[in-house]
N, C-alpha and C. Protein backbone atom coordinates (compact mmCIF):
# COMPACT_ATOMS: atom_id res chain seq x y z
N UNK A 1 0.84 -1.23 0.03
CA UNK A 1 0.00 0.00 0.03
C UNK A 1 0.87 1.27 -0.02
N UNK A 2 0.62 2.19 -0.89
CA UNK A 2 1.47 3.34 -0.98
C UNK A 2 1.18 4.40 0.14
N UNK A 3 2.08 5.36 0.31
CA UNK A 3 1.91 6.24 1.40
C UNK A 3 0.60 7.10 1.23
N UNK A 4 0.27 7.36 0.08
CA UNK A 4 -0.96 8.21 -0.17
C UNK A 4 -2.21 7.45 0.40
N UNK A 5 -2.30 6.13 0.10
CA UNK A 5 -3.45 5.43 0.58
C UNK A 5 -3.42 5.25 2.14
N UNK A 6 -2.18 5.08 2.64
CA UNK A 6 -2.06 5.01 4.09
C UNK A 6 -2.56 6.24 4.77
N UNK A 7 -2.16 7.42 4.23
CA UNK A 7 -2.54 8.68 4.76
C UNK A 7 -4.10 8.84 4.72
N UNK A 8 -4.69 8.46 3.67
CA UNK A 8 -6.17 8.54 3.53
C UNK A 8 -6.81 7.77 4.64
N UNK A 9 -6.29 6.47 4.83
CA UNK A 9 -6.89 5.62 5.82
C UNK A 9 -6.72 6.15 7.24
N UNK A 10 -5.57 6.73 7.49
CA UNK A 10 -5.29 7.27 8.89
C UNK A 10 -6.17 8.49 9.07
N UNK A 11 -6.28 9.33 8.15
CA UNK A 11 -7.13 10.50 8.28
C UNK A 11 -8.61 10.07 8.42
N UNK A 12 -8.98 9.14 7.73
CA UNK A 12 -10.38 8.60 7.86
C UNK A 12 -10.65 8.05 9.26
N UNK A 13 -9.61 7.28 9.75
CA UNK A 13 -9.79 6.74 11.10
C UNK A 13 -9.90 7.84 12.16
N UNK A 14 -9.01 8.78 12.05
CA UNK A 14 -9.06 9.92 13.05
C UNK A 14 -10.35 10.72 12.93
N UNK A 15 -10.85 10.92 11.76
CA UNK A 15 -12.13 11.58 11.54
C UNK A 15 -13.32 10.82 12.21
N UNK A 16 -13.24 9.43 12.05
CA UNK A 16 -14.32 8.63 12.65
C UNK A 16 -14.22 8.69 14.20
N UNK A 17 -13.01 8.61 14.80
CA UNK A 17 -12.94 8.68 16.22
C UNK A 17 -13.34 10.01 16.77
N UNK A 18 -13.02 11.11 16.05
CA UNK A 18 -13.46 12.44 16.42
C UNK A 18 -14.98 12.60 16.39
N UNK A 19 -15.54 11.94 15.35
CA UNK A 19 -17.00 11.98 15.33
C UNK A 19 -17.66 11.27 16.53
N UNK A 20 -17.13 10.13 16.91
CA UNK A 20 -17.68 9.34 18.06
C UNK A 20 -17.51 10.21 19.37
N UNK A 21 -16.36 10.81 19.58
CA UNK A 21 -16.11 11.50 20.71
C UNK A 21 -17.00 12.78 20.86
N UNK A 22 -17.10 13.56 19.79
CA UNK A 22 -17.91 14.76 19.79
C UNK A 22 -19.40 14.48 19.85
N UNK A 23 -19.84 13.44 19.08
CA UNK A 23 -21.30 13.15 19.11
C UNK A 23 -21.67 12.53 20.40
N UNK A 24 -20.79 11.64 21.03
CA UNK A 24 -21.15 11.00 22.21
C UNK A 24 -21.19 12.06 23.39
N UNK A 25 -20.20 12.92 23.46
CA UNK A 25 -20.17 14.00 24.51
C UNK A 25 -21.42 14.89 24.32
N UNK A 26 -21.63 15.38 22.98
CA UNK A 26 -22.71 16.28 22.73
C UNK A 26 -24.01 15.80 23.19
N UNK A 27 -24.33 14.54 22.88
CA UNK A 27 -25.61 13.96 23.24
C UNK A 27 -25.69 13.59 24.66
N UNK A 28 -24.53 13.29 25.29
CA UNK A 28 -24.48 13.01 26.76
C UNK A 28 -24.83 14.14 27.58
N UNK A 29 -24.70 15.37 27.04
CA UNK A 29 -25.03 16.49 27.86
C UNK A 29 -26.48 16.72 28.16
N UNK A 30 -27.36 16.14 27.28
CA UNK A 30 -28.80 16.44 27.47
C UNK A 30 -29.71 15.21 27.18
N UNK A 31 -29.22 14.21 26.47
CA UNK A 31 -30.13 13.24 25.92
C UNK A 31 -30.74 12.38 27.08
N UNK A 32 -30.02 12.20 28.22
CA UNK A 32 -30.61 11.35 29.28
C UNK A 32 -31.89 12.03 29.92
N UNK A 33 -32.04 13.32 29.66
CA UNK A 33 -33.25 14.06 30.17
C UNK A 33 -34.34 14.12 29.19
N UNK A 34 -34.10 13.61 27.99
CA UNK A 34 -35.12 13.76 26.91
C UNK A 34 -36.31 12.95 27.12
N UNK A 35 -37.53 13.51 27.01
CA UNK A 35 -38.77 12.71 27.16
C UNK A 35 -38.83 11.70 26.05
N UNK A 36 -39.72 10.78 26.23
CA UNK A 36 -40.10 9.79 25.17
C UNK A 36 -40.87 10.39 24.13
N UNK A 37 -40.95 9.81 22.87
CA UNK A 37 -41.85 10.29 21.93
C UNK A 37 -43.32 10.22 22.38
N UNK A 38 -44.08 11.30 22.03
CA UNK A 38 -45.40 11.31 22.46
C UNK A 38 -45.67 11.88 23.82
N UNK A 39 -44.60 12.48 24.41
CA UNK A 39 -44.61 13.11 25.74
C UNK A 39 -45.62 14.28 25.70
N UNK A 40 -46.11 14.60 26.83
CA UNK A 40 -47.06 15.77 26.84
C UNK A 40 -46.38 17.08 26.60
N UNK A 41 -47.14 18.04 26.16
CA UNK A 41 -46.57 19.38 25.81
C UNK A 41 -45.93 19.94 27.09
N UNK A 42 -46.51 19.71 28.26
CA UNK A 42 -45.95 20.23 29.51
C UNK A 42 -44.51 19.59 29.73
N UNK A 43 -44.39 18.34 29.59
CA UNK A 43 -43.17 17.68 29.72
C UNK A 43 -42.09 18.21 28.80
N UNK A 44 -42.50 18.44 27.54
CA UNK A 44 -41.54 18.94 26.47
C UNK A 44 -41.03 20.31 26.85
N UNK A 45 -41.97 21.20 27.21
CA UNK A 45 -41.56 22.60 27.65
C UNK A 45 -40.61 22.56 28.79
N UNK A 46 -40.95 21.69 29.76
CA UNK A 46 -40.12 21.60 30.94
C UNK A 46 -38.66 21.10 30.63
N UNK A 47 -38.64 20.12 29.66
CA UNK A 47 -37.40 19.63 29.14
C UNK A 47 -36.51 20.73 28.53
N UNK A 48 -37.12 21.46 27.64
CA UNK A 48 -36.37 22.53 26.98
C UNK A 48 -35.94 23.65 27.93
N UNK A 49 -36.86 24.00 28.85
CA UNK A 49 -36.50 25.05 29.86
C UNK A 49 -35.51 24.61 30.83
N UNK A 50 -35.46 23.41 31.31
CA UNK A 50 -34.50 22.95 32.33
C UNK A 50 -33.12 22.58 31.69
N UNK A 51 -33.07 22.32 30.41
CA UNK A 51 -31.84 21.89 29.79
C UNK A 51 -31.39 22.70 28.62
N UNK A 52 -31.93 23.99 28.53
CA UNK A 52 -31.66 24.80 27.32
C UNK A 52 -30.17 24.98 27.09
N UNK A 53 -29.42 25.31 28.07
CA UNK A 53 -27.96 25.58 27.87
C UNK A 53 -27.24 24.32 27.50
N UNK A 54 -27.51 23.11 28.05
CA UNK A 54 -26.94 21.90 27.67
C UNK A 54 -27.29 21.47 26.26
N UNK A 55 -28.57 21.71 25.91
CA UNK A 55 -28.94 21.32 24.52
C UNK A 55 -28.27 22.12 23.44
N UNK A 56 -28.11 23.40 23.67
CA UNK A 56 -27.37 24.23 22.74
C UNK A 56 -25.93 23.84 22.66
N UNK A 57 -25.29 23.58 23.85
CA UNK A 57 -23.86 23.15 23.86
C UNK A 57 -23.73 21.84 23.21
N UNK A 58 -24.54 20.89 23.52
CA UNK A 58 -24.45 19.58 23.00
C UNK A 58 -24.73 19.56 21.51
N UNK A 59 -25.77 20.35 21.01
CA UNK A 59 -26.07 20.44 19.62
C UNK A 59 -24.91 21.03 18.86
N UNK A 60 -24.27 22.03 19.39
CA UNK A 60 -23.05 22.59 18.77
C UNK A 60 -21.98 21.57 18.57
N UNK A 61 -21.74 20.71 19.53
CA UNK A 61 -20.73 19.65 19.45
C UNK A 61 -21.14 18.58 18.38
N UNK A 62 -22.45 18.31 18.40
CA UNK A 62 -22.93 17.35 17.39
C UNK A 62 -22.81 17.93 15.92
N UNK A 63 -22.95 19.20 15.72
CA UNK A 63 -22.75 19.74 14.50
C UNK A 63 -21.29 19.72 13.99
N UNK A 64 -20.39 19.88 14.95
CA UNK A 64 -18.98 19.63 14.60
C UNK A 64 -18.76 18.17 14.25
N UNK A 65 -19.41 17.28 14.94
CA UNK A 65 -19.32 15.82 14.62
C UNK A 65 -19.74 15.55 13.18
N UNK A 66 -20.81 16.21 12.83
CA UNK A 66 -21.32 16.11 11.42
C UNK A 66 -20.26 16.40 10.39
N UNK A 67 -19.52 17.50 10.65
CA UNK A 67 -18.45 17.95 9.73
C UNK A 67 -17.39 16.89 9.67
N UNK A 68 -17.03 16.24 10.81
CA UNK A 68 -15.95 15.26 10.83
C UNK A 68 -16.47 13.98 10.16
N UNK A 69 -17.74 13.64 10.35
CA UNK A 69 -18.32 12.42 9.68
C UNK A 69 -18.25 12.56 8.29
N UNK A 70 -18.50 13.74 7.64
CA UNK A 70 -18.50 13.93 6.24
C UNK A 70 -16.96 13.60 5.72
N UNK A 71 -15.96 14.00 6.54
CA UNK A 71 -14.59 13.68 6.20
C UNK A 71 -14.36 12.22 6.24
N UNK A 72 -14.90 11.58 7.27
CA UNK A 72 -14.84 10.12 7.45
C UNK A 72 -15.56 9.46 6.24
N UNK A 73 -16.72 9.86 5.89
CA UNK A 73 -17.46 9.25 4.77
C UNK A 73 -16.70 9.42 3.46
N UNK A 74 -16.01 10.59 3.24
CA UNK A 74 -15.23 10.78 2.01
C UNK A 74 -14.07 9.80 1.98
N UNK A 75 -13.49 9.62 3.15
CA UNK A 75 -12.37 8.58 3.20
C UNK A 75 -12.88 7.14 2.89
N UNK A 76 -14.04 6.87 3.44
CA UNK A 76 -14.67 5.52 3.20
C UNK A 76 -14.92 5.40 1.65
N UNK A 77 -15.47 6.41 1.02
CA UNK A 77 -15.71 6.29 -0.37
C UNK A 77 -14.43 6.08 -1.16
N UNK A 78 -13.30 6.67 -0.81
CA UNK A 78 -12.00 6.47 -1.42
C UNK A 78 -11.49 5.04 -1.31
N UNK A 79 -11.70 4.58 -0.05
CA UNK A 79 -11.22 3.21 0.30
C UNK A 79 -12.09 2.19 -0.50
N UNK A 80 -13.40 2.40 -0.58
CA UNK A 80 -14.31 1.47 -1.31
C UNK A 80 -14.02 1.52 -2.84
N UNK A 81 -13.64 2.66 -3.33
CA UNK A 81 -13.29 2.78 -4.81
C UNK A 81 -12.13 1.94 -5.12
N UNK A 82 -11.14 1.81 -4.14
CA UNK A 82 -10.05 1.00 -4.45
C UNK A 82 -10.37 -0.40 -4.68
N UNK A 83 -11.44 -0.87 -4.18
CA UNK A 83 -11.83 -2.30 -4.27
C UNK A 83 -12.74 -2.62 -5.42
N UNK A 84 -13.21 -1.51 -6.13
CA UNK A 84 -14.26 -1.73 -7.16
C UNK A 84 -13.72 -1.25 -8.55
N UNK A 85 -14.24 -1.79 -9.69
CA UNK A 85 -13.89 -1.32 -10.86
C UNK A 85 -14.60 -0.06 -11.25
N UNK A 86 -15.75 0.19 -10.58
CA UNK A 86 -16.48 1.44 -10.73
C UNK A 86 -16.76 1.96 -9.35
N UNK A 87 -17.45 3.14 -9.28
CA UNK A 87 -17.66 3.68 -7.98
C UNK A 87 -19.17 3.75 -7.61
N UNK A 88 -19.91 2.94 -8.18
CA UNK A 88 -21.39 2.92 -7.93
C UNK A 88 -21.65 2.78 -6.47
N UNK A 89 -21.16 1.70 -5.88
CA UNK A 89 -21.41 1.36 -4.40
C UNK A 89 -20.74 2.35 -3.53
N UNK A 90 -19.48 2.85 -3.98
CA UNK A 90 -18.76 3.78 -3.13
C UNK A 90 -19.58 5.10 -3.06
N UNK A 91 -20.14 5.52 -4.17
CA UNK A 91 -20.91 6.79 -4.26
C UNK A 91 -22.25 6.60 -3.50
N UNK A 92 -22.87 5.38 -3.60
CA UNK A 92 -24.05 5.10 -2.80
C UNK A 92 -23.75 5.22 -1.30
N UNK A 93 -22.63 4.66 -0.87
CA UNK A 93 -22.29 4.75 0.56
C UNK A 93 -22.11 6.20 0.99
N UNK A 94 -21.47 6.98 0.16
CA UNK A 94 -21.19 8.45 0.43
C UNK A 94 -22.54 9.17 0.44
N UNK A 95 -23.51 8.79 -0.57
CA UNK A 95 -24.82 9.40 -0.59
C UNK A 95 -25.57 9.06 0.69
N UNK A 96 -25.53 7.91 1.24
CA UNK A 96 -26.18 7.51 2.48
C UNK A 96 -25.65 8.32 3.61
N UNK A 97 -24.33 8.53 3.67
CA UNK A 97 -23.75 9.39 4.68
C UNK A 97 -24.25 10.75 4.73
N UNK A 98 -24.34 11.34 3.46
CA UNK A 98 -24.84 12.72 3.29
C UNK A 98 -26.31 12.82 3.74
N UNK A 99 -27.06 11.84 3.38
CA UNK A 99 -28.50 11.84 3.82
C UNK A 99 -28.64 11.82 5.33
N UNK A 100 -27.79 10.92 5.93
CA UNK A 100 -27.85 10.83 7.43
C UNK A 100 -27.45 12.08 8.07
N UNK A 101 -26.40 12.74 7.62
CA UNK A 101 -25.98 13.95 8.14
C UNK A 101 -26.88 15.19 7.93
N UNK A 102 -27.56 15.18 6.79
CA UNK A 102 -28.58 16.18 6.52
C UNK A 102 -29.69 16.14 7.55
N UNK A 103 -30.09 14.87 7.81
CA UNK A 103 -31.16 14.64 8.77
C UNK A 103 -30.66 15.01 10.09
N UNK A 104 -29.49 14.67 10.41
CA UNK A 104 -28.91 14.98 11.79
C UNK A 104 -28.79 16.50 12.05
N UNK A 105 -28.39 17.21 10.99
CA UNK A 105 -28.35 18.64 11.07
C UNK A 105 -29.73 19.20 11.37
N UNK A 106 -30.77 18.64 10.70
CA UNK A 106 -32.16 19.08 10.93
C UNK A 106 -32.53 18.76 12.39
N UNK A 107 -32.19 17.60 12.90
CA UNK A 107 -32.59 17.20 14.21
C UNK A 107 -31.95 18.23 15.28
N UNK A 108 -30.69 18.39 15.03
CA UNK A 108 -29.91 19.23 16.11
C UNK A 108 -30.37 20.61 16.03
N UNK A 109 -30.56 21.20 14.89
CA UNK A 109 -30.98 22.58 14.83
C UNK A 109 -32.41 22.85 15.28
N UNK A 110 -33.26 22.00 14.92
CA UNK A 110 -34.64 22.16 15.46
C UNK A 110 -34.67 22.01 16.96
N UNK A 111 -33.91 20.98 17.46
CA UNK A 111 -33.87 20.89 18.90
C UNK A 111 -33.23 22.11 19.67
N UNK A 112 -32.23 22.65 19.03
CA UNK A 112 -31.60 23.88 19.59
C UNK A 112 -32.59 25.04 19.51
N UNK A 113 -33.40 25.12 18.48
CA UNK A 113 -34.37 26.13 18.30
C UNK A 113 -35.40 26.12 19.51
N UNK A 114 -35.77 24.87 19.94
CA UNK A 114 -36.67 24.72 21.05
C UNK A 114 -35.99 25.22 22.35
N UNK A 115 -34.73 24.90 22.51
CA UNK A 115 -34.06 25.34 23.65
C UNK A 115 -33.87 26.78 23.74
N UNK A 116 -33.53 27.44 22.59
CA UNK A 116 -33.39 28.86 22.57
C UNK A 116 -34.67 29.61 22.85
N UNK A 117 -35.80 29.11 22.35
CA UNK A 117 -37.09 29.74 22.55
C UNK A 117 -37.51 29.61 24.06
N UNK A 118 -37.13 28.46 24.66
CA UNK A 118 -37.44 28.25 26.09
C UNK A 118 -36.66 29.20 26.91
N UNK A 119 -35.37 29.47 26.50
CA UNK A 119 -34.53 30.30 27.21
C UNK A 119 -34.95 31.75 27.27
N UNK A 120 -35.54 32.13 26.13
CA UNK A 120 -35.99 33.61 26.13
C UNK A 120 -37.43 33.71 26.51
N UNK A 121 -38.09 32.57 26.89
CA UNK A 121 -39.41 32.56 27.43
C UNK A 121 -40.56 32.59 26.35
N UNK A 122 -40.19 32.40 25.06
CA UNK A 122 -41.16 32.47 23.99
C UNK A 122 -41.69 31.12 23.57
N UNK A 123 -41.29 30.02 24.23
CA UNK A 123 -41.72 28.73 23.83
C UNK A 123 -43.12 28.40 24.40
N UNK A 124 -44.08 28.22 23.46
CA UNK A 124 -45.40 27.85 23.87
C UNK A 124 -45.53 26.34 23.89
N UNK A 125 -46.42 25.73 24.59
CA UNK A 125 -46.62 24.32 24.59
C UNK A 125 -46.71 23.71 23.16
N UNK A 126 -47.56 24.37 22.34
CA UNK A 126 -47.86 23.85 21.00
C UNK A 126 -46.57 23.92 20.23
N UNK A 127 -45.80 24.99 20.23
CA UNK A 127 -44.55 25.10 19.45
C UNK A 127 -43.53 24.10 19.99
N UNK A 128 -43.43 23.95 21.37
CA UNK A 128 -42.51 23.01 21.90
C UNK A 128 -42.79 21.59 21.42
N UNK A 129 -43.99 21.18 21.45
CA UNK A 129 -44.39 19.82 20.96
C UNK A 129 -44.02 19.66 19.51
N UNK A 130 -44.32 20.61 18.70
CA UNK A 130 -44.00 20.53 17.27
C UNK A 130 -42.54 20.37 17.02
N UNK A 131 -41.73 21.28 17.62
CA UNK A 131 -40.30 21.15 17.50
C UNK A 131 -39.71 19.85 17.97
N UNK A 132 -40.17 19.40 19.12
CA UNK A 132 -39.75 18.17 19.73
C UNK A 132 -39.99 17.00 18.74
N UNK A 133 -41.14 16.86 18.24
CA UNK A 133 -41.59 15.75 17.41
C UNK A 133 -40.82 15.81 16.06
N UNK A 134 -40.64 16.96 15.44
CA UNK A 134 -39.87 17.05 14.23
C UNK A 134 -38.40 16.67 14.47
N UNK A 135 -37.85 17.10 15.56
CA UNK A 135 -36.46 16.74 15.86
C UNK A 135 -36.29 15.20 16.02
N UNK A 136 -37.29 14.60 16.70
CA UNK A 136 -37.26 13.16 16.82
C UNK A 136 -37.33 12.39 15.49
N UNK A 137 -38.15 12.85 14.60
CA UNK A 137 -38.37 12.25 13.28
C UNK A 137 -37.00 12.35 12.44
N UNK A 138 -36.45 13.54 12.50
CA UNK A 138 -35.19 13.72 11.82
C UNK A 138 -34.06 12.90 12.36
N UNK A 139 -34.09 12.82 13.68
CA UNK A 139 -33.00 12.01 14.34
C UNK A 139 -32.98 10.55 14.22
N UNK A 140 -34.15 9.93 14.10
CA UNK A 140 -34.17 8.44 14.00
C UNK A 140 -34.59 7.93 12.68
N UNK A 141 -35.83 7.97 12.27
CA UNK A 141 -36.19 7.43 10.94
C UNK A 141 -35.37 7.96 9.84
N UNK A 142 -35.25 9.26 9.77
CA UNK A 142 -34.57 9.85 8.54
C UNK A 142 -33.11 9.60 8.61
N UNK A 143 -32.40 9.86 9.67
CA UNK A 143 -30.99 9.61 9.72
C UNK A 143 -30.71 8.15 9.60
N UNK A 144 -31.60 7.32 10.22
CA UNK A 144 -31.37 5.90 10.14
C UNK A 144 -31.33 5.32 8.72
N UNK A 145 -32.14 5.85 7.83
CA UNK A 145 -32.13 5.39 6.42
C UNK A 145 -30.81 5.65 5.80
N UNK A 146 -30.20 6.90 6.08
CA UNK A 146 -28.92 7.26 5.46
C UNK A 146 -27.85 6.27 5.95
N UNK A 147 -27.79 6.06 7.36
CA UNK A 147 -26.84 5.19 7.91
C UNK A 147 -27.00 3.76 7.41
N UNK A 148 -28.14 3.31 7.22
CA UNK A 148 -28.48 2.00 6.65
C UNK A 148 -27.89 1.81 5.29
N UNK A 149 -28.11 2.88 4.37
CA UNK A 149 -27.54 2.81 3.04
C UNK A 149 -26.02 2.76 3.02
N UNK A 150 -25.44 3.54 3.92
CA UNK A 150 -23.96 3.54 4.04
C UNK A 150 -23.45 2.14 4.44
N UNK A 151 -24.04 1.64 5.45
CA UNK A 151 -23.56 0.24 5.93
C UNK A 151 -23.79 -0.77 4.85
N UNK A 152 -24.96 -0.81 4.17
CA UNK A 152 -25.26 -1.83 3.26
C UNK A 152 -24.33 -1.72 2.04
N UNK A 153 -24.05 -0.54 1.52
CA UNK A 153 -23.14 -0.38 0.39
C UNK A 153 -21.72 -0.84 0.72
N UNK A 154 -21.29 -0.50 1.96
CA UNK A 154 -19.97 -0.92 2.42
C UNK A 154 -19.92 -2.43 2.51
N UNK A 155 -20.87 -3.10 3.09
CA UNK A 155 -20.87 -4.55 3.24
C UNK A 155 -20.92 -5.17 1.80
N UNK A 156 -21.69 -4.62 0.88
CA UNK A 156 -21.75 -5.15 -0.49
C UNK A 156 -20.40 -5.13 -1.13
N UNK A 157 -19.65 -4.04 -0.97
CA UNK A 157 -18.28 -3.97 -1.53
C UNK A 157 -17.38 -5.00 -0.94
N UNK A 158 -17.50 -5.16 0.36
CA UNK A 158 -16.68 -6.19 1.09
C UNK A 158 -16.99 -7.57 0.62
N UNK A 159 -18.18 -7.87 0.33
CA UNK A 159 -18.52 -9.26 -0.13
C UNK A 159 -18.13 -9.42 -1.64
N UNK A 160 -18.26 -8.41 -2.46
CA UNK A 160 -17.84 -8.55 -3.89
C UNK A 160 -16.36 -8.56 -4.06
N UNK A 161 -15.67 -7.80 -3.28
CA UNK A 161 -14.18 -7.74 -3.40
C UNK A 161 -13.47 -8.75 -2.59
N UNK A 162 -14.26 -9.44 -1.66
CA UNK A 162 -13.65 -10.41 -0.74
C UNK A 162 -12.44 -9.72 0.03
N UNK A 163 -12.69 -8.45 0.41
CA UNK A 163 -11.60 -7.68 1.09
C UNK A 163 -12.26 -6.84 2.17
N UNK A 164 -11.43 -6.07 2.79
CA UNK A 164 -11.92 -5.04 3.88
C UNK A 164 -12.22 -5.63 5.13
N UNK A 165 -12.93 -6.80 5.13
CA UNK A 165 -13.40 -7.45 6.34
C UNK A 165 -13.70 -8.87 6.13
N UNK A 166 -13.77 -9.69 7.18
CA UNK A 166 -14.21 -11.12 7.03
C UNK A 166 -15.63 -11.17 6.47
N UNK A 167 -15.97 -12.24 5.76
CA UNK A 167 -17.29 -12.35 5.21
C UNK A 167 -18.40 -12.40 6.24
N UNK A 168 -18.09 -13.07 7.34
CA UNK A 168 -19.17 -13.10 8.42
C UNK A 168 -19.44 -11.74 8.87
N UNK A 169 -18.45 -10.79 8.99
CA UNK A 169 -18.70 -9.49 9.45
C UNK A 169 -19.50 -8.69 8.37
N UNK A 170 -19.22 -8.90 7.16
CA UNK A 170 -19.97 -8.28 6.08
C UNK A 170 -21.49 -8.72 6.12
N UNK A 171 -21.71 -9.92 6.34
CA UNK A 171 -23.12 -10.41 6.45
C UNK A 171 -23.81 -9.81 7.65
N UNK A 172 -23.01 -9.74 8.72
CA UNK A 172 -23.58 -9.16 10.04
C UNK A 172 -23.96 -7.69 9.74
N UNK A 173 -23.10 -6.98 8.96
CA UNK A 173 -23.39 -5.55 8.65
C UNK A 173 -24.61 -5.40 7.77
N UNK A 174 -24.84 -6.42 7.01
CA UNK A 174 -26.03 -6.33 6.16
C UNK A 174 -27.28 -6.33 7.04
N UNK A 175 -27.25 -7.25 8.04
CA UNK A 175 -28.40 -7.32 9.01
C UNK A 175 -28.55 -6.09 9.71
N UNK A 176 -27.38 -5.45 10.23
CA UNK A 176 -27.52 -4.19 10.85
C UNK A 176 -28.01 -3.07 9.95
N UNK A 177 -27.48 -3.04 8.66
CA UNK A 177 -27.90 -1.97 7.74
C UNK A 177 -29.33 -2.10 7.49
N UNK A 178 -29.95 -3.31 7.33
CA UNK A 178 -31.34 -3.46 7.16
C UNK A 178 -32.17 -2.99 8.34
N UNK A 179 -31.58 -3.27 9.44
CA UNK A 179 -32.31 -2.85 10.73
C UNK A 179 -32.41 -1.28 10.84
N UNK A 180 -31.36 -0.62 10.32
CA UNK A 180 -31.41 0.82 10.32
C UNK A 180 -32.50 1.43 9.42
N UNK A 181 -33.01 0.62 8.45
CA UNK A 181 -34.09 1.02 7.58
C UNK A 181 -35.42 0.92 8.17
N UNK A 182 -35.44 0.39 9.48
CA UNK A 182 -36.68 0.23 10.16
C UNK A 182 -36.73 1.07 11.45
N UNK A 183 -37.81 1.10 12.21
CA UNK A 183 -37.88 1.85 13.43
C UNK A 183 -36.89 1.35 14.44
N UNK A 184 -36.23 0.24 14.22
CA UNK A 184 -35.18 -0.22 15.18
C UNK A 184 -33.96 0.72 15.18
N UNK A 185 -33.93 1.67 14.25
CA UNK A 185 -32.80 2.58 14.19
C UNK A 185 -32.74 3.45 15.53
N UNK A 186 -33.94 3.53 16.18
CA UNK A 186 -33.93 4.35 17.37
C UNK A 186 -33.04 3.73 18.50
N UNK A 187 -32.95 2.42 18.52
CA UNK A 187 -32.17 1.69 19.59
C UNK A 187 -30.74 1.35 19.16
N UNK A 188 -30.47 1.70 17.92
CA UNK A 188 -29.13 1.29 17.42
C UNK A 188 -28.10 2.48 17.47
N UNK A 189 -28.53 3.58 18.05
CA UNK A 189 -27.46 4.71 18.04
C UNK A 189 -26.20 4.36 18.77
N UNK A 190 -26.29 3.88 20.01
CA UNK A 190 -25.13 3.55 20.83
C UNK A 190 -24.32 2.44 20.10
N UNK A 191 -24.95 1.34 19.66
CA UNK A 191 -24.17 0.31 19.00
C UNK A 191 -23.48 0.84 17.70
N UNK A 192 -24.12 1.74 16.97
CA UNK A 192 -23.51 2.33 15.75
C UNK A 192 -22.26 3.13 16.08
N UNK A 193 -22.31 3.82 17.21
CA UNK A 193 -21.14 4.58 17.61
C UNK A 193 -19.99 3.62 18.02
N UNK A 194 -20.28 2.58 18.65
CA UNK A 194 -19.26 1.57 18.97
C UNK A 194 -18.73 0.94 17.70
N UNK A 195 -19.57 0.72 16.70
CA UNK A 195 -19.09 0.11 15.46
C UNK A 195 -18.14 1.19 14.72
N UNK A 196 -18.60 2.41 14.78
CA UNK A 196 -17.80 3.46 14.09
C UNK A 196 -16.42 3.58 14.78
N UNK A 197 -16.36 3.47 16.13
CA UNK A 197 -15.15 3.57 16.83
C UNK A 197 -14.21 2.40 16.47
N UNK A 198 -14.76 1.14 16.42
CA UNK A 198 -13.98 -0.01 16.01
C UNK A 198 -13.40 0.11 14.57
N UNK A 199 -14.28 0.49 13.64
CA UNK A 199 -13.80 0.64 12.29
C UNK A 199 -12.73 1.70 12.20
N UNK A 200 -12.86 2.76 12.94
CA UNK A 200 -11.82 3.89 12.97
C UNK A 200 -10.45 3.36 13.51
N UNK A 201 -10.55 2.56 14.60
CA UNK A 201 -9.34 2.08 15.16
C UNK A 201 -8.67 1.14 14.21
N UNK A 202 -9.48 0.30 13.50
CA UNK A 202 -8.89 -0.62 12.53
C UNK A 202 -8.11 0.10 11.40
N UNK A 203 -8.70 1.30 10.94
CA UNK A 203 -8.11 2.08 9.97
C UNK A 203 -6.76 2.69 10.40
N UNK A 204 -6.73 3.12 11.68
CA UNK A 204 -5.49 3.62 12.21
C UNK A 204 -4.41 2.53 12.52
N UNK A 205 -4.80 1.34 12.55
CA UNK A 205 -3.84 0.23 12.75
C UNK A 205 -3.17 -0.26 11.52
N UNK A 206 -3.51 0.32 10.36
CA UNK A 206 -2.83 -0.11 9.11
C UNK A 206 -1.32 0.21 9.29
N UNK A 207 -0.47 -0.78 9.01
CA UNK A 207 1.00 -0.46 9.27
C UNK A 207 1.61 0.41 8.20
N UNK A 208 2.55 1.26 8.62
CA UNK A 208 3.15 2.16 7.71
C UNK A 208 4.32 1.36 7.06
N UNK A 209 4.92 1.87 5.95
CA UNK A 209 6.07 1.21 5.25
C UNK A 209 7.18 1.02 6.31
N UNK A 210 7.44 1.96 7.25
CA UNK A 210 8.42 1.80 8.25
C UNK A 210 8.11 0.59 9.15
N UNK A 211 6.84 0.47 9.47
CA UNK A 211 6.54 -0.73 10.35
C UNK A 211 6.78 -2.02 9.68
N UNK A 212 6.67 -2.07 8.34
CA UNK A 212 6.90 -3.34 7.66
C UNK A 212 8.31 -3.61 7.38
N UNK A 213 9.12 -2.62 7.52
CA UNK A 213 10.56 -2.82 7.18
C UNK A 213 11.26 -3.74 8.29
């Protein structure tokens, strides 16, 4: 493997780890206080009012994570293209990542809008409920579809090229990718961050020419 490809893999790995850290910390600041879907308007307003500062701070970190994830996804696209005669699946994977991050931006900004309105006292129960539900839909079903496409395209390349990962892992990722296309995406957030962290570490463990000497 030449130095250029090694550099791409290492940058991709670092971007993936940065995404996990920023997104994990950002959501950890407020997500444990988040009401369940269908919560009453009073609960939603109370959530935004009590956690407005944490929501804005956490949302800002998550938006930085989105930027890093796009860098990660660009690296993944480059790596997948190395394994294929064309870039159909690589581009599909990248498109899935863009879809997921567009939905994530929507979720974070709408959620932050609710926090900011609660902070200045202008959040009504009706507006709070609408913002909360829209944020939820962006964050799980919509973003989940994008993540599912990314995972499925990556697993397909791995199976076709018989590279990147063991075949059993590629088949496992197909199951995970399909699950992301369903309402199960809501409970797959934490496992997906672990998966991203593991993949990033593996990319960073690629030996350099000096290591091989």
